[in-house]
């Protein structure tokens, strides 16, 4: 039973690594959303700017255009199949 509980708690433990503390004013912040700089004083984080998760890096517009194109081809195929039946 402890193995299941440990696996469920593991993602929660990893969240502490995503925070940084400003060396100037001691303010805790998430560098992913501030470009790797403190939002109060502008001091850069020692580890640099973090990479965004892949869900924020993908271009959603091109993903939507691709989905629209696939749906259009599927609808065209369906119309042609029903027309020639």
Protein backbone atom coordinates (compact mmCIF):
# COMPACT_ATOMS: atom_id res chain seq x y z
CA UNK A 1 0.00 0.00 0.00
CA UNK A 2 2.90 2.39 0.69
CA UNK A 3 4.15 1.96 -2.88
CA UNK A 4 0.88 3.33 -4.26
CA UNK A 5 0.90 6.24 -1.82
CA UNK A 6 4.52 7.07 -2.71
CA UNK A 7 3.72 7.10 -6.42
CA UNK A 8 0.80 9.43 -5.83
CA UNK A 9 2.89 11.79 -3.70
CA UNK A 10 5.87 11.86 -6.09
CA UNK A 11 4.47 14.56 -8.43
CA UNK A 12 3.65 16.74 -5.42
CA UNK A 13 7.25 16.54 -4.16
CA UNK A 14 8.62 17.70 -7.52
CA UNK A 15 6.76 21.01 -7.32
CA UNK A 16 9.16 22.47 -4.77
CA UNK A 17 11.95 22.46 -7.38
CA UNK A 18 9.98 24.79 -9.61
CA UNK A 19 10.17 27.69 -7.17
CA UNK A 20 13.11 30.05 -6.78
CA UNK A 21 14.03 32.61 -4.16
CA UNK A 22 15.34 36.06 -5.05
CA UNK A 23 18.81 36.72 -3.58
CA UNK A 24 18.02 40.43 -3.13
CA UNK A 25 14.71 40.46 -1.26
CA UNK A 26 14.02 36.80 -0.37
CA UNK A 27 10.81 36.67 -2.42
CA UNK A 28 9.67 33.19 -3.55
CA UNK A 29 8.42 33.05 -7.14
CA UNK A 30 7.96 30.71 -10.11
CA UNK A 31 10.68 31.55 -12.68
CA UNK A 32 8.76 29.76 -15.44
CA UNK A 33 6.16 32.54 -15.49
CA UNK A 34 8.49 35.50 -14.97
CA UNK A 35 11.15 34.77 -17.59
CA UNK A 36 13.70 33.67 -15.00
CA UNK A 37 13.74 37.04 -13.23
CA UNK A 38 12.35 38.24 -9.93
CA UNK A 39 9.08 40.13 -10.53
CA UNK A 40 9.90 42.67 -7.80
CA UNK A 41 13.50 43.69 -8.45
CA UNK A 42 14.35 42.08 -11.82
CA UNK A 43 17.27 40.04 -10.45
CA UNK A 44 18.00 36.98 -12.62
CA UNK A 45 17.76 33.49 -11.14
CA UNK A 46 21.09 31.68 -10.81
CA UNK A 47 19.86 28.69 -12.82
CA UNK A 48 18.72 30.89 -15.71
CA UNK A 49 15.43 30.94 -17.54
CA UNK A 50 13.66 27.57 -17.31
CA UNK A 51 12.20 25.78 -20.30
CA UNK A 52 8.44 25.80 -20.61
CA UNK A 53 6.51 22.52 -20.58
CA UNK A 54 5.78 21.10 -24.03
CA UNK A 55 2.08 21.96 -23.67
CA UNK A 56 3.00 25.65 -23.53
CA UNK A 57 5.66 25.42 -26.26
CA UNK A 58 3.44 24.00 -29.01
CA UNK A 59 1.81 26.35 -31.47
CA UNK A 60 -1.88 25.88 -30.80
CA UNK A 61 -2.92 27.77 -33.93
CA UNK A 62 -1.12 25.33 -36.22
CA UNK A 63 -2.53 22.44 -34.20
CA UNK A 64 -6.06 23.81 -34.75
CA UNK A 65 -5.42 24.31 -38.48
CA UNK A 66 -4.22 20.70 -38.76
CA UNK A 67 -7.29 19.44 -36.90
CA UNK A 68 -9.55 21.50 -39.16
CA UNK A 69 -7.85 20.07 -42.24
CA UNK A 70 -8.28 16.49 -40.97
CA UNK A 71 -11.96 17.07 -40.20
CA UNK A 72 -12.47 18.61 -43.65
CA UNK A 73 -10.90 15.59 -45.38
CA UNK A 74 -13.02 13.24 -43.26
CA UNK A 75 -16.22 15.11 -44.11
CA UNK A 76 -15.32 15.19 -47.81
CA UNK A 77 -14.68 11.45 -47.75
CA UNK A 78 -17.98 10.81 -45.98
CA UNK A 79 -19.91 12.91 -48.50
CA UNK A 80 -18.29 11.13 -51.45
CA UNK A 81 -18.96 7.68 -49.96
CA UNK A 82 -22.62 8.50 -49.34
CA UNK A 83 -23.03 10.13 -52.78
CA UNK A 84 -21.70 7.17 -54.75
CA UNK A 85 -23.56 4.53 -52.77
